[in-house]
């Protein structure tokens, strides 16, 4: 339980490890985090804003596909 809580509270620190280990599944995870943050007010501790800055950094470094992540995160916020 402590590891899962640490993962959600410090997702920006663990994101590069997740990308290296899980690859394309990270896109679904990021979609889920943004979807949950914008829809469920009951879970306010998910670090969505800092996560977006880290995702932007990885996009500029070429680790994550910029057009794909933009499409997914915009869809997650609107849906």
PDB file of N, CA and C in Angstrom:
ATOM      1  N   UNK A   1       0.832  -1.199   0.000  1.00  0.00           N
ATOM      2  CA  UNK A   1       0.000   0.000   0.000  1.00  0.00           C
ATOM      3  C   UNK A   1       0.872   1.256   0.000  1.00  0.00           C
ATOM      4  N   UNK A   2       1.966   1.234   0.766  1.00  0.00           N
ATOM      5  CA  UNK A   2       2.853   2.390   0.831  1.00  0.00           C
ATOM      6  C   UNK A   2       3.501   2.667  -0.525  1.00  0.00           C
ATOM      7  N   UNK A   3       3.852   1.605  -1.251  1.00  0.00           N
ATOM      8  CA  UNK A   3       4.478   1.768  -2.568  1.00  0.00           C
ATOM      9  C   UNK A   3       3.497   2.370  -3.563  1.00  0.00           C
ATOM     10  N   UNK A   4       2.256   1.931  -3.534  1.00  0.00           N
ATOM     11  CA  UNK A   4       1.238   2.473  -4.442  1.00  0.00           C
ATOM     12  C   UNK A   4       0.983   3.942  -4.128  1.00  0.00           C
ATOM     13  N   UNK A   5       0.894   4.281  -2.859  1.00  0.00           N
ATOM     14  CA  UNK A   5       0.688   5.674  -2.466  1.00  0.00           C
ATOM     15  C   UNK A   5       1.871   6.539  -2.881  1.00  0.00           C
ATOM     16  N   UNK A   6       3.082   6.014  -2.714  1.00  0.00           N
ATOM     17  CA  UNK A   6       4.282   6.748  -3.135  1.00  0.00           C
ATOM     18  C   UNK A   6       4.288   6.951  -4.639  1.00  0.00           C
ATOM     19  N   UNK A   7       3.824   5.952  -5.381  1.00  0.00           N
ATOM     20  CA  UNK A   7       3.765   6.066  -6.835  1.00  0.00           C
ATOM     21  C   UNK A   7       2.821   7.181  -7.263  1.00  0.00           C
ATOM     22  N   UNK A   8       1.640   7.260  -6.651  1.00  0.00           N
ATOM     23  CA  UNK A   8       0.679   8.295  -7.019  1.00  0.00           C
ATOM     24  C   UNK A   8       1.096   9.676  -6.535  1.00  0.00           C
ATOM     25  N   UNK A   9       1.715   9.766  -5.376  1.00  0.00           N
ATOM     26  CA  UNK A   9       2.100  11.080  -4.859  1.00  0.00           C
ATOM     27  C   UNK A   9       3.356  11.626  -5.525  1.00  0.00           C
ATOM     28  N   UNK A  10       4.212  10.753  -6.032  1.00  0.00           N
ATOM     29  CA  UNK A  10       5.463  11.178  -6.665  1.00  0.00           C
ATOM     30  C   UNK A  10       5.573  10.637  -8.080  1.00  0.00           C
ATOM     31  N   UNK A  11       4.476  10.687  -8.826  1.00  0.00           N
ATOM     32  CA  UNK A  11       4.449  10.122 -10.174  1.00  0.00           C
ATOM     33  C   UNK A  11       5.445  10.815 -11.095  1.00  0.00           C
ATOM     34  N   UNK A  12       5.685  12.089 -10.866  1.00  0.00           N
ATOM     35  CA  UNK A  12       6.622  12.809 -11.722  1.00  0.00           C
ATOM     36  C   UNK A  12       8.038  12.277 -11.570  1.00  0.00           C
ATOM     37  N   UNK A  13       8.382  11.747 -10.425  1.00  0.00           N
ATOM     38  CA  UNK A  13       9.713  11.187 -10.196  1.00  0.00           C
ATOM     39  C   UNK A  13       9.818   9.796 -10.825  1.00  0.00           C
ATOM     40  N   UNK A  14       8.749   9.035 -10.772  1.00  0.00           N
ATOM     41  CA  UNK A  14       8.775   7.644 -11.219  1.00  0.00           C
ATOM     42  C   UNK A  14       8.373   7.457 -12.679  1.00  0.00           C
ATOM     43  N   UNK A  15       8.024   8.520 -13.378  1.00  0.00           N
ATOM     44  CA  UNK A  15       7.497   8.383 -14.731  1.00  0.00           C
ATOM     45  C   UNK A  15       8.526   7.819 -15.708  1.00  0.00           C
ATOM     46  N   UNK A  16       9.770   8.249 -15.641  1.00  0.00           N
ATOM     47  CA  UNK A  16      10.788   7.729 -16.556  1.00  0.00           C
ATOM     48  C   UNK A  16      11.013   6.240 -16.325  1.00  0.00           C
ATOM     49  N   UNK A  17      10.972   5.801 -15.085  1.00  0.00           N
ATOM     50  CA  UNK A  17      11.087   4.373 -14.792  1.00  0.00           C
ATOM     51  C   UNK A  17       9.906   3.606 -15.378  1.00  0.00           C
ATOM     52  N   UNK A  18       8.707   4.182 -15.271  1.00  0.00           N
ATOM     53  CA  UNK A  18       7.520   3.538 -15.831  1.00  0.00           C
ATOM     54  C   UNK A  18       7.604   3.435 -17.347  1.00  0.00           C
ATOM     55  N   UNK A  19       8.095   4.485 -18.002  1.00  0.00           N
ATOM     56  CA  UNK A  19       8.228   4.473 -19.459  1.00  0.00           C
ATOM     57  C   UNK A  19       9.223   3.407 -19.884  1.00  0.00           C
ATOM     58  N   UNK A  20      10.341   3.311 -19.174  1.00  0.00           N
ATOM     59  CA  UNK A  20      11.354   2.318 -19.515  1.00  0.00           C
ATOM     60  C   UNK A  20      10.851   0.893 -19.290  1.00  0.00           C
ATOM     61  N   UNK A  21      10.073   0.709 -18.265  1.00  0.00           N
ATOM     62  CA  UNK A  21       9.629  -0.644 -17.911  1.00  0.00           C
ATOM     63  C   UNK A  21       8.377  -1.084 -18.665  1.00  0.00           C
ATOM     64  N   UNK A  22       7.392  -0.195 -18.835  1.00  0.00           N
ATOM     65  CA  UNK A  22       6.106  -0.575 -19.416  1.00  0.00           C
ATOM     66  C   UNK A  22       5.890  -0.103 -20.847  1.00  0.00           C
ATOM     67  N   UNK A  23       6.681   0.827 -21.334  1.00  0.00           N
ATOM     68  CA  UNK A  23       6.583   1.260 -22.723  1.00  0.00           C
ATOM     69  C   UNK A  23       5.273   1.953 -23.058  1.00  0.00           C
ATOM     70  N   UNK A  24       4.539   1.411 -24.016  1.00  0.00           N
ATOM     71  CA  UNK A  24       3.317   2.044 -24.531  1.00  0.00           C
ATOM     72  C   UNK A  24       2.164   2.042 -23.526  1.00  0.00           C
ATOM     73  N   UNK A  25       2.208   1.197 -22.516  1.00  0.00           N
ATOM     74  CA  UNK A  25       1.135   1.168 -21.512  1.00  0.00           C
ATOM     75  C   UNK A  25       1.102   2.451 -20.687  1.00  0.00           C
ATOM     76  N   UNK A  26       2.179   3.214 -20.709  1.00  0.00           N
ATOM     77  CA  UNK A  26       2.240   4.475 -19.967  1.00  0.00           C
ATOM     78  C   UNK A  26       1.243   5.479 -20.525  1.00  0.00           C
ATOM     79  N   UNK A  27       0.969   5.413 -21.830  1.00  0.00           N
ATOM     80  CA  UNK A  27      -0.014   6.314 -22.422  1.00  0.00           C
ATOM     81  C   UNK A  27      -1.395   6.096 -21.792  1.00  0.00           C
ATOM     82  N   UNK A  28      -1.769   4.857 -21.607  1.00  0.00           N
ATOM     83  CA  UNK A  28      -3.038   4.553 -20.955  1.00  0.00           C
ATOM     84  C   UNK A  28      -3.053   4.990 -19.500  1.00  0.00           C
ATOM     85  N   UNK A  29      -1.926   4.828 -18.826  1.00  0.00           N
ATOM     86  CA  UNK A  29      -1.819   5.257 -17.436  1.00  0.00           C
ATOM     87  C   UNK A  29      -1.962   6.771 -17.318  1.00  0.00           C
ATOM     88  N   UNK A  30      -1.316   7.518 -18.203  1.00  0.00           N
ATOM     89  CA  UNK A  30      -1.426   8.974 -18.183  1.00  0.00           C
ATOM     90  C   UNK A  30      -2.856   9.412 -18.498  1.00  0.00           C
ATOM     91  N   UNK A  31      -3.500   8.743 -19.454  1.00  0.00           N
ATOM     92  CA  UNK A  31      -4.898   9.019 -19.755  1.00  0.00           C
ATOM     93  C   UNK A  31      -5.747   8.821 -18.509  1.00  0.00           C
ATOM     94  N   UNK A  32      -5.528   7.717 -17.817  1.00  0.00           N
ATOM     95  CA  UNK A  32      -6.297   7.404 -16.622  1.00  0.00           C
ATOM     96  C   UNK A  32      -6.076   8.428 -15.512  1.00  0.00           C
ATOM     97  N   UNK A  33      -4.840   8.860 -15.309  1.00  0.00           N
ATOM     98  CA  UNK A  33      -4.546   9.840 -14.258  1.00  0.00           C
ATOM     99  C   UNK A  33      -5.248  11.160 -14.538  1.00  0.00           C
ATOM    100  N   UNK A  34      -5.160  11.654 -15.756  1.00  0.00           N
ATOM    101  CA  UNK A  34      -5.803  12.930 -16.089  1.00  0.00           C
ATOM    102  C   UNK A  34      -7.322  12.785 -16.057  1.00  0.00           C
ATOM    103  N   UNK A  35      -7.849  11.665 -16.534  1.00  0.00           N
ATOM    104  CA  UNK A  35      -9.292  11.436 -16.487  1.00  0.00           C
ATOM    105  C   UNK A  35      -9.801  11.434 -15.051  1.00  0.00           C
ATOM    106  N   UNK A  36      -9.120  10.707 -14.182  1.00  0.00           N
ATOM    107  CA  UNK A  36      -9.541  10.621 -12.778  1.00  0.00           C
ATOM    108  C   UNK A  36      -9.415  11.972 -12.089  1.00  0.00           C
ATOM    109  N   UNK A  37      -8.347  12.695 -12.390  1.00  0.00           N
ATOM    110  CA  UNK A  37      -8.156  13.996 -11.733  1.00  0.00           C
ATOM    111  C   UNK A  37      -9.227  15.004 -12.134  1.00  0.00           C
ATOM    112  N   UNK A  38      -9.634  14.991 -13.389  1.00  0.00           N
ATOM    113  CA  UNK A  38     -10.627  15.973 -13.830  1.00  0.00           C
ATOM    114  C   UNK A  38     -12.055  15.559 -13.505  1.00  0.00           C
ATOM    115  N   UNK A  39     -12.298  14.286 -13.256  1.00  0.00           N
ATOM    116  CA  UNK A  39     -13.659  13.817 -13.012  1.00  0.00           C
ATOM    117  C   UNK A  39     -13.979  13.553 -11.548  1.00  0.00           C
ATOM    118  N   UNK A  40     -13.051  13.055 -10.806  1.00  0.00           N
ATOM    119  CA  UNK A  40     -13.325  12.682  -9.424  1.00  0.00           C
ATOM    120  C   UNK A  40     -12.718  13.698  -8.466  1.00  0.00           C
ATOM    121  N   UNK A  41     -13.549  14.489  -7.874  1.00  0.00           N
ATOM    122  CA  UNK A  41     -13.086  15.490  -6.923  1.00  0.00           C
ATOM    123  C   UNK A  41     -12.684  14.817  -5.605  1.00  0.00           C
ATOM    124  N   UNK A  42     -13.080  13.575  -5.442  1.00  0.00           N
ATOM    125  CA  UNK A  42     -12.787  12.850  -4.212  1.00  0.00           C
ATOM    126  C   UNK A  42     -11.304  12.504  -4.068  1.00  0.00           C
ATOM    127  N   UNK A  43     -10.563  12.545  -5.163  1.00  0.00           N
ATOM    128  CA  UNK A  43      -9.148  12.184  -5.128  1.00  0.00           C
ATOM    129  C   UNK A  43      -8.310  13.398  -5.531  1.00  0.00           C
ATOM    130  N   UNK A  44      -8.178  14.394  -4.655  1.00  0.00           N
ATOM    131  CA  UNK A  44      -7.463  15.616  -5.036  1.00  0.00           C
ATOM    132  C   UNK A  44      -5.947  15.526  -4.935  1.00  0.00           C
ATOM    133  N   UNK A  45      -5.400  14.423  -4.456  1.00  0.00           N
ATOM    134  CA  UNK A  45      -3.957  14.356  -4.244  1.00  0.00           C
ATOM    135  C   UNK A  45      -3.187  13.837  -5.452  1.00  0.00           C
ATOM    136  N   UNK A  46      -3.850  13.541  -6.557  1.00  0.00           N
ATOM    137  CA  UNK A  46      -3.149  13.097  -7.758  1.00  0.00           C
ATOM    138  C   UNK A  46      -2.427  14.300  -8.365  1.00  0.00           C
ATOM    139  N   UNK A  47      -1.140  14.187  -8.618  1.00  0.00           N
ATOM    140  CA  UNK A  47      -0.344  15.334  -9.083  1.00  0.00           C
ATOM    141  C   UNK A  47      -0.467  15.592 -10.578  1.00  0.00           C
ATOM    142  N   UNK A  48      -1.626  16.009 -11.037  1.00  0.00           N
ATOM    143  CA  UNK A  48      -1.852  16.210 -12.461  1.00  0.00           C
ATOM    144  C   UNK A  48      -1.075  17.356 -13.058  1.00  0.00           C
ATOM    145  N   UNK A  49      -0.993  18.494 -12.357  1.00  0.00           N
ATOM    146  CA  UNK A  49      -0.295  19.655 -12.909  1.00  0.00           C
ATOM    147  C   UNK A  49       1.199  19.400 -13.053  1.00  0.00           C
ATOM    148  N   UNK A  50       1.816  18.891 -12.022  1.00  0.00           N
ATOM    149  CA  UNK A  50       3.250  18.603 -12.118  1.00  0.00           C
ATOM    150  C   UNK A  50       3.508  17.470 -13.101  1.00  0.00           C
ATOM    151  N   UNK A  51       2.564  16.553 -13.204  1.00  0.00           N
ATOM    152  CA  UNK A  51       2.696  15.463 -14.169  1.00  0.00           C
ATOM    153  C   UNK A  51       2.706  15.998 -15.595  1.00  0.00           C
ATOM    154  N   UNK A  52       1.885  17.000 -15.880  1.00  0.00           N
ATOM    155  CA  UNK A  52       1.854  17.589 -17.223  1.00  0.00           C
ATOM    156  C   UNK A  52       3.183  18.247 -17.580  1.00  0.00           C
ATOM    157  N   UNK A  53       3.823  18.885 -16.626  1.00  0.00           N
ATOM    158  CA  UNK A  53       5.133  19.486 -16.885  1.00  0.00           C
ATOM    159  C   UNK A  53       6.181  18.418 -17.179  1.00  0.00           C
ATOM    160  N   UNK A  54       6.144  17.321 -16.445  1.00  0.00           N
ATOM    161  CA  UNK A  54       7.100  16.237 -16.664  1.00  0.00           C
ATOM    162  C   UNK A  54       6.843  15.564 -18.006  1.00  0.00           C
ATOM    163  N   UNK A  55       5.582  15.355 -18.349  1.00  0.00           N
ATOM    164  CA  UNK A  55       5.244  14.765 -19.652  1.00  0.00           C
ATOM    165  C   UNK A  55       5.716  15.682 -20.774  1.00  0.00           C
ATOM    166  N   UNK A  56       5.557  16.975 -20.614  1.00  0.00           N
ATOM    167  CA  UNK A  56       6.051  17.922 -21.613  1.00  0.00           C
ATOM    168  C   UNK A  56       7.555  17.851 -21.776  1.00  0.00           C
ATOM    169  N   UNK A  57       8.252  17.662 -20.691  1.00  0.00           N
ATOM    170  CA  UNK A  57       9.711  17.517 -20.752  1.00  0.00           C
ATOM    171  C   UNK A  57      10.098  16.259 -21.511  1.00  0.00           C
ATOM    172  N   UNK A  58       9.390  15.150 -21.236  1.00  0.00           N
ATOM    173  CA  UNK A  58       9.683  13.913 -21.945  1.00  0.00           C
ATOM    174  C   UNK A  58       9.303  14.006 -23.421  1.00  0.00           C
ATOM    175  N   UNK A  59       8.272  14.765 -23.735  1.00  0.00           N
ATOM    176  CA  UNK A  59       7.906  14.972 -25.138  1.00  0.00           C
ATOM    177  C   UNK A  59       8.995  15.745 -25.873  1.00  0.00           C
ATOM    178  N   UNK A  60       9.526  16.775 -25.234  1.00  0.00           N
ATOM    179  CA  UNK A  60      10.577  17.561 -25.889  1.00  0.00           C
ATOM    180  C   UNK A  60      11.868  16.769 -26.034  1.00  0.00           C
ATOM    181  N   UNK A  61      12.081  15.784 -25.167  1.00  0.00           N
ATOM    182  CA  UNK A  61      13.268  14.939 -25.273  1.00  0.00           C
ATOM    183  C   UNK A  61      13.072  13.788 -26.258  1.00  0.00           C
ATOM    184  N   UNK A  62      11.847  13.603 -26.739  1.00  0.00           N
ATOM    185  CA  UNK A  62      11.572  12.554 -27.701  1.00  0.00           C
ATOM    186  C   UNK A  62      11.274  11.195 -27.086  1.00  0.00           C
ATOM    187  N   UNK A  63      11.070  11.150 -25.780  1.00  0.00           N
ATOM    188  CA  UNK A  63      10.773   9.888 -25.103  1.00  0.00           C
ATOM    189  C   UNK A  63       9.318   9.492 -25.314  1.00  0.00           C
ATOM    190  N   UNK A  64       8.429  10.480 -25.377  1.00  0.00           N
ATOM    191  CA  UNK A  64       6.994  10.261 -25.564  1.00  0.00           C
ATOM    192  C   UNK A  64       6.565  10.980 -26.840  1.00  0.00           C
ATOM    193  N   UNK A  65       5.644  10.393 -27.576  1.00  0.00           N
ATOM    194  CA  UNK A  65       5.129  10.998 -28.802  1.00  0.00           C
ATOM    195  C   UNK A  65       4.255  12.210 -28.465  1.00  0.00           C
ATOM    196  N   UNK A  66       4.652  13.374 -28.930  1.00  0.00           N
ATOM    197  CA  UNK A  66       3.929  14.606 -28.622  1.00  0.00           C
ATOM    198  C   UNK A  66       2.507  14.624 -29.196  1.00  0.00           C
ATOM    199  N   UNK A  67       2.298  14.335 -30.483  1.00  0.00           N
ATOM    200  CA  UNK A  67       0.918  14.376 -30.996  1.00  0.00           C
ATOM    201  C   UNK A  67      -0.005  13.371 -30.307  1.00  0.00           C
ATOM    202  N   UNK A  68       0.511  12.184 -30.038  1.00  0.00           N
ATOM    203  CA  UNK A  68      -0.311  11.157 -29.406  1.00  0.00           C
ATOM    204  C   UNK A  68      -0.679  11.545 -27.979  1.00  0.00           C
ATOM    205  N   UNK A  69       0.273  12.046 -27.229  1.00  0.00           N
ATOM    206  CA  UNK A  69      -0.014  12.400 -25.832  1.00  0.00           C
ATOM    207  C   UNK A  69      -0.943  13.609 -25.768  1.00  0.00           C
ATOM    208  N   UNK A  70      -0.806  14.542 -26.706  1.00  0.00           N
ATOM    209  CA  UNK A  70      -1.711  15.691 -26.730  1.00  0.00           C
ATOM    210  C   UNK A  70      -3.145  15.225 -26.989  1.00  0.00           C
ATOM    211  N   UNK A  71      -3.313  14.332 -27.950  1.00  0.00           N
ATOM    212  CA  UNK A  71      -4.635  13.805 -28.265  1.00  0.00           C
ATOM    213  C   UNK A  71      -5.235  13.065 -27.066  1.00  0.00           C
ATOM    214  N   UNK A  72      -4.448  12.206 -26.442  1.00  0.00           N
ATOM    215  CA  UNK A  72      -4.938  11.419 -25.317  1.00  0.00           C
ATOM    216  C   UNK A  72      -5.315  12.276 -24.118  1.00  0.00           C
ATOM    217  N   UNK A  73      -4.455  13.237 -23.761  1.00  0.00           N
ATOM    218  CA  UNK A  73      -4.717  14.026 -22.563  1.00  0.00           C
ATOM    219  C   UNK A  73      -5.852  15.020 -22.771  1.00  0.00           C
ATOM    220  N   UNK A  74      -5.996  15.549 -23.978  1.00  0.00           N
ATOM    221  CA  UNK A  74      -7.134  16.417 -24.261  1.00  0.00           C
ATOM    222  C   UNK A  74      -8.423  15.610 -24.212  1.00  0.00           C
ATOM    223  N   UNK A  75      -8.404  14.417 -24.780  1.00  0.00           N
ATOM    224  CA  UNK A  75      -9.585  13.545 -24.735  1.00  0.00           C
ATOM    225  C   UNK A  75      -9.926  13.163 -23.297  1.00  0.00           C
ATOM    226  N   UNK A  76      -8.907  12.883 -22.485  1.00  0.00           N
ATOM    227  CA  UNK A  76      -9.140  12.511 -21.080  1.00  0.00           C
ATOM    228  C   UNK A  76      -9.778  13.655 -20.310  1.00  0.00           C
ATOM    229  N   UNK A  77      -9.345  14.871 -20.576  1.00  0.00           N
ATOM    230  CA  UNK A  77      -9.901  16.020 -19.866  1.00  0.00           C
ATOM    231  C   UNK A  77     -11.330  16.332 -20.315  1.00  0.00           C
ATOM    232  N   UNK A  78     -11.631  16.123 -21.595  1.00  0.00           N
ATOM    233  CA  UNK A  78     -12.963  16.452 -22.111  1.00  0.00           C
ATOM    234  C   UNK A  78     -13.981  15.365 -21.779  1.00  0.00           C
ATOM    235  N   UNK A  79     -13.568  14.121 -21.908  1.00  0.00           N
ATOM    236  CA  UNK A  79     -14.491  13.006 -21.644  1.00  0.00           C
ATOM    237  C   UNK A  79     -14.871  13.035 -20.197  1.00  0.00           C
TER     238      UNK A  79
END
